[in-house]
Amino acid sequence: MEFLDVPIFDDDIYKLVVRFAINLVFLYLVVGISYWLHQQNHRQVFNLLVMNVVVFFICFTLKKLDLGLGMALGLFAIFAIIRYRTAAIDVKDMTYLFVVIGLAVINALSGKQTSYLELLLTNTVIFGATYFLERRMAEPRKVKAPKLASYEVVYDNIDLLHPGREDELIAELKLRTGIKAVRVNVKQVDLQKSNALIVLKYRGAGNGVA
């Protein structure tokens, strides 16, 4: 049955549903598990999902034109051009973008020569590679250094403010104030009064003002 020389129903709808379901399952595994657990970039997740879905339907729709490999390579070339005309993104994000586009192309363009078992195996290998490498090569989380408290004092022995005498300065300040400073910053020097306003940086809570 046709309408304006276009069939209303085609058996390819079943292939579309099955292949799109396979594509969505492995898209979720790659983006939802491999990428999200390690990157957690909301904006890039949106880009990956939309890019995969759009490329899948483009490839499947144009598949009947028998463009084959040339069409797939052309799509990659188009997205490469778009990439170079936009703001730079992280290399790993770009790699994941390539992966989801690859999944879409594979699942949409595979024909009768490719069994569903081969298709599932191919998708599984792609997901397994990204997940394994992400786990094995993930950068260790940086431990955030505790924030230093600060305390301002007016100091009268400006001779100890000279370069190379920091250890002596810290030791004397500890005797006078009871604070073991980690770092001392000179904020203001008054040569007429022979004193200086300095900021003590130390670990722990304090009432000073930076």
C-alpha atoms as a PDB file:
ATOM      1  CA  MET A   1       0.000   0.000   0.000  1.00  0.00           C
ATOM      2  CA  GLU A   2       1.416   3.329  -1.065  1.00  0.00           C
ATOM      3  CA  PHE A   3       0.684   6.998  -0.679  1.00  0.00           C
ATOM      4  CA  LEU A   4       2.109   9.362  -3.311  1.00  0.00           C
ATOM      5  CA  ASP A   5       4.318   6.522  -4.588  1.00  0.00           C
ATOM      6  CA  VAL A   6       5.812   6.046  -1.120  1.00  0.00           C
ATOM      7  CA  PRO A   7       5.047   2.821   0.828  1.00  0.00           C
ATOM      8  CA  ILE A   8       3.173   3.425   4.063  1.00  0.00           C
ATOM      9  CA  PHE A   9       4.715   0.373   5.715  1.00  0.00           C
ATOM     10  CA  ASP A  10       7.996  -1.398   5.091  1.00  0.00           C
ATOM     11  CA  ASP A  11       9.518  -4.473   6.712  1.00  0.00           C
ATOM     12  CA  ASP A  12      12.665  -2.424   7.347  1.00  0.00           C
ATOM     13  CA  ILE A  13      10.846  -0.894  10.315  1.00  0.00           C
ATOM     14  CA  TYR A  14      11.628  -4.058  12.267  1.00  0.00           C
ATOM     15  CA  LYS A  15      15.325  -3.759  11.436  1.00  0.00           C
ATOM     16  CA  LEU A  16      15.222  -0.115  12.467  1.00  0.00           C
ATOM     17  CA  VAL A  17      13.686  -0.907  15.853  1.00  0.00           C
ATOM     18  CA  VAL A  18      16.062  -3.788  16.623  1.00  0.00           C
ATOM     19  CA  ARG A  19      19.222  -2.009  15.509  1.00  0.00           C
ATOM     20  CA  PHE A  20      18.242   1.200  17.282  1.00  0.00           C
ATOM     21  CA  ALA A  21      17.564  -0.778  20.471  1.00  0.00           C
ATOM     22  CA  ILE A  22      21.038  -2.344  20.247  1.00  0.00           C
ATOM     23  CA  ASN A  23      22.520   1.094  19.589  1.00  0.00           C
ATOM     24  CA  LEU A  24      20.761   2.604  22.628  1.00  0.00           C
ATOM     25  CA  VAL A  25      21.889  -0.196  24.955  1.00  0.00           C
ATOM     26  CA  PHE A  26      25.560   0.235  24.090  1.00  0.00           C
ATOM     27  CA  LEU A  27      25.238   4.007  23.940  1.00  0.00           C
ATOM     28  CA  TYR A  28      24.044   3.893  27.542  1.00  0.00           C
ATOM     29  CA  LEU A  29      26.936   1.616  28.517  1.00  0.00           C
ATOM     30  CA  VAL A  30      29.572   3.832  26.889  1.00  0.00           C
ATOM     31  CA  VAL A  31      28.156   7.210  27.948  1.00  0.00           C
ATOM     32  CA  GLY A  32      26.284   6.325  31.133  1.00  0.00           C
ATOM     33  CA  ILE A  33      28.869   4.002  32.649  1.00  0.00           C
ATOM     34  CA  SER A  34      32.276   4.467  31.034  1.00  0.00           C
ATOM     35  CA  TYR A  35      32.121   8.239  30.430  1.00  0.00           C
ATOM     36  CA  TRP A  36      29.820   9.567  33.167  1.00  0.00           C
ATOM     37  CA  LEU A  37      31.410   7.690  36.073  1.00  0.00           C
ATOM     38  CA  HIS A  38      34.812   9.179  35.266  1.00  0.00           C
ATOM     39  CA  GLN A  39      34.107  12.558  33.605  1.00  0.00           C
ATOM     40  CA  GLN A  40      30.663  13.713  34.810  1.00  0.00           C
ATOM     41  CA  ASN A  41      30.386  16.459  32.215  1.00  0.00           C
ATOM     42  CA  HIS A  42      26.662  17.228  31.792  1.00  0.00           C
ATOM     43  CA  ARG A  43      27.083  19.303  28.637  1.00  0.00           C
ATOM     44  CA  GLN A  44      29.231  16.723  26.887  1.00  0.00           C
ATOM     45  CA  VAL A  45      26.818  13.904  27.792  1.00  0.00           C
ATOM     46  CA  PHE A  46      24.088  15.792  25.936  1.00  0.00           C
ATOM     47  CA  ASN A  47      26.382  16.208  22.921  1.00  0.00           C
ATOM     48  CA  LEU A  48      27.280  12.525  22.862  1.00  0.00           C
ATOM     49  CA  LEU A  49      23.681  11.303  23.112  1.00  0.00           C
ATOM     50  CA  VAL A  50      22.271  13.635  20.477  1.00  0.00           C
ATOM     51  CA  MET A  51      25.175  13.078  18.090  1.00  0.00           C
ATOM     52  CA  ASN A  52      24.785   9.295  18.267  1.00  0.00           C
ATOM     53  CA  VAL A  53      21.020   9.317  17.708  1.00  0.00           C
ATOM     54  CA  VAL A  54      21.155  11.788  14.814  1.00  0.00           C
ATOM     55  CA  VAL A  55      24.010   9.979  13.044  1.00  0.00           C
ATOM     56  CA  PHE A  56      22.232   6.635  13.476  1.00  0.00           C
ATOM     57  CA  PHE A  57      19.058   7.834  11.778  1.00  0.00           C
ATOM     58  CA  ILE A  58      20.987   9.650   9.044  1.00  0.00           C
ATOM     59  CA  CYS A  59      22.899   6.494   8.230  1.00  0.00           C
ATOM     60  CA  PHE A  60      19.882   4.195   8.396  1.00  0.00           C
ATOM     61  CA  THR A  61      17.719   6.522   6.304  1.00  0.00           C
ATOM     62  CA  LEU A  62      20.344   6.933   3.608  1.00  0.00           C
ATOM     63  CA  LYS A  63      21.329   3.273   3.705  1.00  0.00           C
ATOM     64  CA  LYS A  64      18.896   2.395   0.911  1.00  0.00           C
ATOM     65  CA  LEU A  65      20.779   4.739  -1.402  1.00  0.00           C
ATOM     66  CA  ASP A  66      23.676   2.271  -1.169  1.00  0.00           C
ATOM     67  CA  LEU A  67      26.261   4.941  -0.393  1.00  0.00           C
ATOM     68  CA  GLY A  68      28.075   2.521   1.883  1.00  0.00           C
ATOM     69  CA  LEU A  69      31.515   3.318   3.204  1.00  0.00           C
ATOM     70  CA  GLY A  70      31.782   6.562   1.258  1.00  0.00           C
ATOM     71  CA  MET A  71      28.823   8.021   3.136  1.00  0.00           C
ATOM     72  CA  ALA A  72      30.247   6.971   6.502  1.00  0.00           C
ATOM     73  CA  LEU A  73      33.619   8.553   5.741  1.00  0.00           C
ATOM     74  CA  GLY A  74      31.863  11.678   4.506  1.00  0.00           C
ATOM     75  CA  LEU A  75      30.008  11.984   7.810  1.00  0.00           C
ATOM     76  CA  PHE A  76      33.255  11.774   9.750  1.00  0.00           C
ATOM     77  CA  ALA A  77      34.745  14.448   7.491  1.00  0.00           C
ATOM     78  CA  ILE A  78      31.759  16.759   8.091  1.00  0.00           C
ATOM     79  CA  PHE A  79      31.991  16.411  11.850  1.00  0.00           C
ATOM     80  CA  ALA A  80      35.749  16.949  11.707  1.00  0.00           C
ATOM     81  CA  ILE A  81      35.170  20.256   9.904  1.00  0.00           C
ATOM     82  CA  ILE A  82      32.567  21.280  12.475  1.00  0.00           C
ATOM     83  CA  ARG A  83      35.016  20.377  15.236  1.00  0.00           C
ATOM     84  CA  TYR A  84      37.734  22.676  13.907  1.00  0.00           C
ATOM     85  CA  ARG A  85      35.346  25.619  13.593  1.00  0.00           C
ATOM     86  CA  THR A  86      34.167  25.452  17.200  1.00  0.00           C
ATOM     87  CA  ALA A  87      35.774  26.001  20.587  1.00  0.00           C
ATOM     88  CA  ALA A  88      38.431  23.489  21.546  1.00  0.00           C
ATOM     89  CA  ILE A  89      37.307  20.532  23.635  1.00  0.00           C
ATOM     90  CA  ASP A  90      39.213  18.003  25.655  1.00  0.00           C
ATOM     91  CA  VAL A  91      40.953  15.238  23.675  1.00  0.00           C
ATOM     92  CA  LYS A  92      39.197  12.541  25.695  1.00  0.00           C
ATOM     93  CA  ASP A  93      35.804  14.146  25.041  1.00  0.00           C
ATOM     94  CA  MET A  94      36.630  14.204  21.339  1.00  0.00           C
ATOM     95  CA  THR A  95      37.545  10.517  21.509  1.00  0.00           C
ATOM     96  CA  TYR A  96      34.210   9.658  23.106  1.00  0.00           C
ATOM     97  CA  LEU A  97      32.480  11.683  20.387  1.00  0.00           C
ATOM     98  CA  PHE A  98      34.266   9.557  17.804  1.00  0.00           C
ATOM     99  CA  VAL A  99      33.219   6.375  19.672  1.00  0.00           C
ATOM    100  CA  VAL A 100      29.496   7.225  19.771  1.00  0.00           C
ATOM    101  CA  ILE A 101      29.537   8.226  16.096  1.00  0.00           C
ATOM    102  CA  GLY A 102      31.262   4.934  15.327  1.00  0.00           C
ATOM    103  CA  LEU A 103      28.601   3.008  17.243  1.00  0.00           C
ATOM    104  CA  ALA A 104      25.845   4.761  15.307  1.00  0.00           C
ATOM    105  CA  VAL A 105      27.473   4.075  11.938  1.00  0.00           C
ATOM    106  CA  ILE A 106      28.171   0.413  12.730  1.00  0.00           C
ATOM    107  CA  ASN A 107      24.681  -0.308  14.043  1.00  0.00           C
ATOM    108  CA  ALA A 108      22.918   1.558  11.243  1.00  0.00           C
ATOM    109  CA  LEU A 109      24.941   0.450   8.203  1.00  0.00           C
ATOM    110  CA  SER A 110      25.607  -3.215   8.983  1.00  0.00           C
ATOM    111  CA  GLY A 111      23.729  -5.327   6.438  1.00  0.00           C
ATOM    112  CA  LYS A 112      22.766  -8.938   5.883  1.00  0.00           C
ATOM    113  CA  GLN A 113      26.415  -9.935   5.745  1.00  0.00           C
ATOM    114  CA  THR A 114      26.727  -9.051   9.440  1.00  0.00           C
ATOM    115  CA  SER A 115      24.855 -11.275  11.876  1.00  0.00           C
ATOM    116  CA  TYR A 116      23.310  -9.919  15.038  1.00  0.00           C
ATOM    117  CA  LEU A 117      25.813 -11.933  17.052  1.00  0.00           C
ATOM    118  CA  GLU A 118      28.691 -10.207  15.226  1.00  0.00           C
ATOM    119  CA  LEU A 119      27.011  -6.875  15.769  1.00  0.00           C
ATOM    120  CA  LEU A 120      26.626  -7.511  19.508  1.00  0.00           C
ATOM    121  CA  LEU A 121      30.228  -8.694  19.747  1.00  0.00           C
ATOM    122  CA  THR A 122      31.512  -5.574  17.965  1.00  0.00           C
ATOM    123  CA  ASN A 123      29.545  -3.274  20.258  1.00  0.00           C
ATOM    124  CA  THR A 124      30.666  -5.210  23.319  1.00  0.00           C
ATOM    125  CA  VAL A 125      34.339  -4.947  22.343  1.00  0.00           C
ATOM    126  CA  ILE A 126      34.030  -1.178  21.822  1.00  0.00           C
ATOM    127  CA  PHE A 127      32.371  -0.689  25.196  1.00  0.00           C
ATOM    128  CA  GLY A 128      34.775  -3.070  26.928  1.00  0.00           C
ATOM    129  CA  ALA A 129      37.788  -1.249  25.514  1.00  0.00           C
ATOM    130  CA  THR A 130      36.580   2.184  26.630  1.00  0.00           C
ATOM    131  CA  TYR A 131      35.554   0.987  30.077  1.00  0.00           C
ATOM    132  CA  PHE A 132      38.732  -1.032  30.702  1.00  0.00           C
ATOM    133  CA  LEU A 133      41.063   1.717  29.535  1.00  0.00           C
ATOM    134  CA  GLU A 134      39.115   4.336  31.488  1.00  0.00           C
ATOM    135  CA  ARG A 135      39.461   2.298  34.670  1.00  0.00           C
ATOM    136  CA  ARG A 136      43.113   1.390  34.127  1.00  0.00           C
ATOM    137  CA  MET A 137      44.351   4.771  32.935  1.00  0.00           C
ATOM    138  CA  ALA A 138      42.148   7.078  34.971  1.00  0.00           C
ATOM    139  CA  GLU A 139      44.083   9.936  36.532  1.00  0.00           C
ATOM    140  CA  PRO A 140      44.256   9.723  40.316  1.00  0.00           C
ATOM    141  CA  ARG A 141      42.027  12.187  42.102  1.00  0.00           C
ATOM    142  CA  LYS A 142      43.933  15.112  43.489  1.00  0.00           C
ATOM    143  CA  VAL A 143      43.650  15.509  47.233  1.00  0.00           C
ATOM    144  CA  LYS A 144      42.548  19.036  47.989  1.00  0.00           C
ATOM    145  CA  ALA A 145      44.957  20.751  50.345  1.00  0.00           C
ATOM    146  CA  PRO A 146      43.390  22.105  53.542  1.00  0.00           C
ATOM    147  CA  LYS A 147      42.774  25.845  53.489  1.00  0.00           C
ATOM    148  CA  LEU A 148      45.230  27.860  55.553  1.00  0.00           C
ATOM    149  CA  ALA A 149      43.976  30.266  58.207  1.00  0.00           C
ATOM    150  CA  SER A 150      45.496  33.723  58.372  1.00  0.00           C
ATOM    151  CA  TYR A 151      46.352  36.264  61.066  1.00  0.00           C
ATOM    152  CA  GLU A 152      47.583  39.845  60.695  1.00  0.00           C
ATOM    153  CA  VAL A 153      50.162  41.285  63.076  1.00  0.00           C
ATOM    154  CA  VAL A 154      52.258  44.442  63.269  1.00  0.00           C
ATOM    155  CA  TYR A 155      55.870  43.289  63.502  1.00  0.00           C
ATOM    156  CA  ASP A 156      58.703  45.487  64.723  1.00  0.00           C
ATOM    157  CA  ASN A 157      61.843  43.494  63.844  1.00  0.00           C
ATOM    158  CA  ILE A 158      62.048  44.262  60.145  1.00  0.00           C
ATOM    159  CA  ASP A 159      65.597  42.909  59.913  1.00  0.00           C
ATOM    160  CA  LEU A 160      64.140  39.384  59.892  1.00  0.00           C
ATOM    161  CA  LEU A 161      62.076  40.258  56.853  1.00  0.00           C
ATOM    162  CA  HIS A 162      65.160  40.072  54.655  1.00  0.00           C
ATOM    163  CA  PRO A 163      65.331  37.196  52.134  1.00  0.00           C
ATOM    164  CA  GLY A 164      66.881  34.015  53.546  1.00  0.00           C
ATOM    165  CA  ARG A 165      65.794  34.632  57.164  1.00  0.00           C
ATOM    166  CA  GLU A 166      62.300  33.205  56.915  1.00  0.00           C
ATOM    167  CA  ASP A 167      63.023  30.331  59.317  1.00  0.00           C
ATOM    168  CA  GLU A 168      64.236  32.761  61.977  1.00  0.00           C
ATOM    169  CA  LEU A 169      61.192  34.943  61.393  1.00  0.00           C
ATOM    170  CA  ILE A 170      58.769  32.037  61.780  1.00  0.00           C
ATOM    171  CA  ALA A 171      60.534  30.870  64.943  1.00  0.00           C
ATOM    172  CA  GLU A 172      60.350  34.320  66.559  1.00  0.00           C
ATOM    173  CA  LEU A 173      56.723  34.788  65.593  1.00  0.00           C
ATOM    174  CA  LYS A 174      55.904  31.463  67.196  1.00  0.00           C
ATOM    175  CA  LEU A 175      57.504  32.636  70.470  1.00  0.00           C
ATOM    176  CA  ARG A 176      55.610  35.929  70.406  1.00  0.00           C
ATOM    177  CA  THR A 177      52.201  34.814  69.141  1.00  0.00           C
ATOM    178  CA  GLY A 178      52.092  31.080  69.777  1.00  0.00           C
ATOM    179  CA  ILE A 179      51.225  30.534  66.112  1.00  0.00           C
ATOM    180  CA  LYS A 180      53.346  28.150  64.073  1.00  0.00           C
ATOM    181  CA  ALA A 181      53.200  29.835  60.688  1.00  0.00           C
ATOM    182  CA  VAL A 182      53.549  27.872  57.477  1.00  0.00           C
ATOM    183  CA  ARG A 183      54.095  30.976  55.396  1.00  0.00           C
ATOM    184  CA  VAL A 184      54.570  34.674  56.107  1.00  0.00           C
ATOM    185  CA  ASN A 185      53.423  37.366  53.690  1.00  0.00           C
ATOM    186  CA  VAL A 186      54.590  40.955  54.043  1.00  0.00           C
ATOM    187  CA  LYS A 187      51.620  43.217  53.421  1.00  0.00           C
ATOM    188  CA  GLN A 188      53.037  46.669  54.218  1.00  0.00           C
ATOM    189  CA  VAL A 189      56.338  48.089  55.499  1.00  0.00           C
ATOM    190  CA  ASP A 190      56.635  51.384  57.404  1.00  0.00           C
ATOM    191  CA  LEU A 191      60.335  52.349  57.441  1.00  0.00           C
ATOM    192  CA  GLN A 192      59.737  55.489  59.524  1.00  0.00           C
ATOM    193  CA  LYS A 193      58.241  53.465  62.346  1.00  0.00           C
ATOM    194  CA  SER A 194      60.487  50.456  61.677  1.00  0.00           C
ATOM    195  CA  ASN A 195      57.592  48.022  61.610  1.00  0.00           C
ATOM    196  CA  ALA A 196      55.636  46.038  59.089  1.00  0.00           C
ATOM    197  CA  LEU A 197      52.157  44.621  58.684  1.00  0.00           C
ATOM    198  CA  ILE A 198      52.521  40.909  58.001  1.00  0.00           C
ATOM    199  CA  VAL A 199      50.086  38.044  57.485  1.00  0.00           C
ATOM    200  CA  LEU A 200      50.747  34.698  59.117  1.00  0.00           C
ATOM    201  CA  LYS A 201      49.432  31.663  57.215  1.00  0.00           C
ATOM    202  CA  TYR A 202      48.936  28.621  59.411  1.00  0.00           C
ATOM    203  CA  ARG A 203      46.945  25.412  59.611  1.00  0.00           C
ATOM    204  CA  GLY A 204      43.911  25.586  61.864  1.00  0.00           C
ATOM    205  CA  ALA A 205      41.090  27.939  62.758  1.00  0.00           C
ATOM    206  CA  GLY A 206      41.844  31.508  63.698  1.00  0.00           C
ATOM    207  CA  ASN A 207      40.371  34.941  64.009  1.00  0.00           C
ATOM    208  CA  GLY A 208      42.805  36.693  61.726  1.00  0.00           C
ATOM    209  CA  VAL A 209      41.894  38.437  58.521  1.00  0.00           C
ATOM    210  CA  ALA A 210      43.771  37.725  55.278  1.00  0.00           C
END
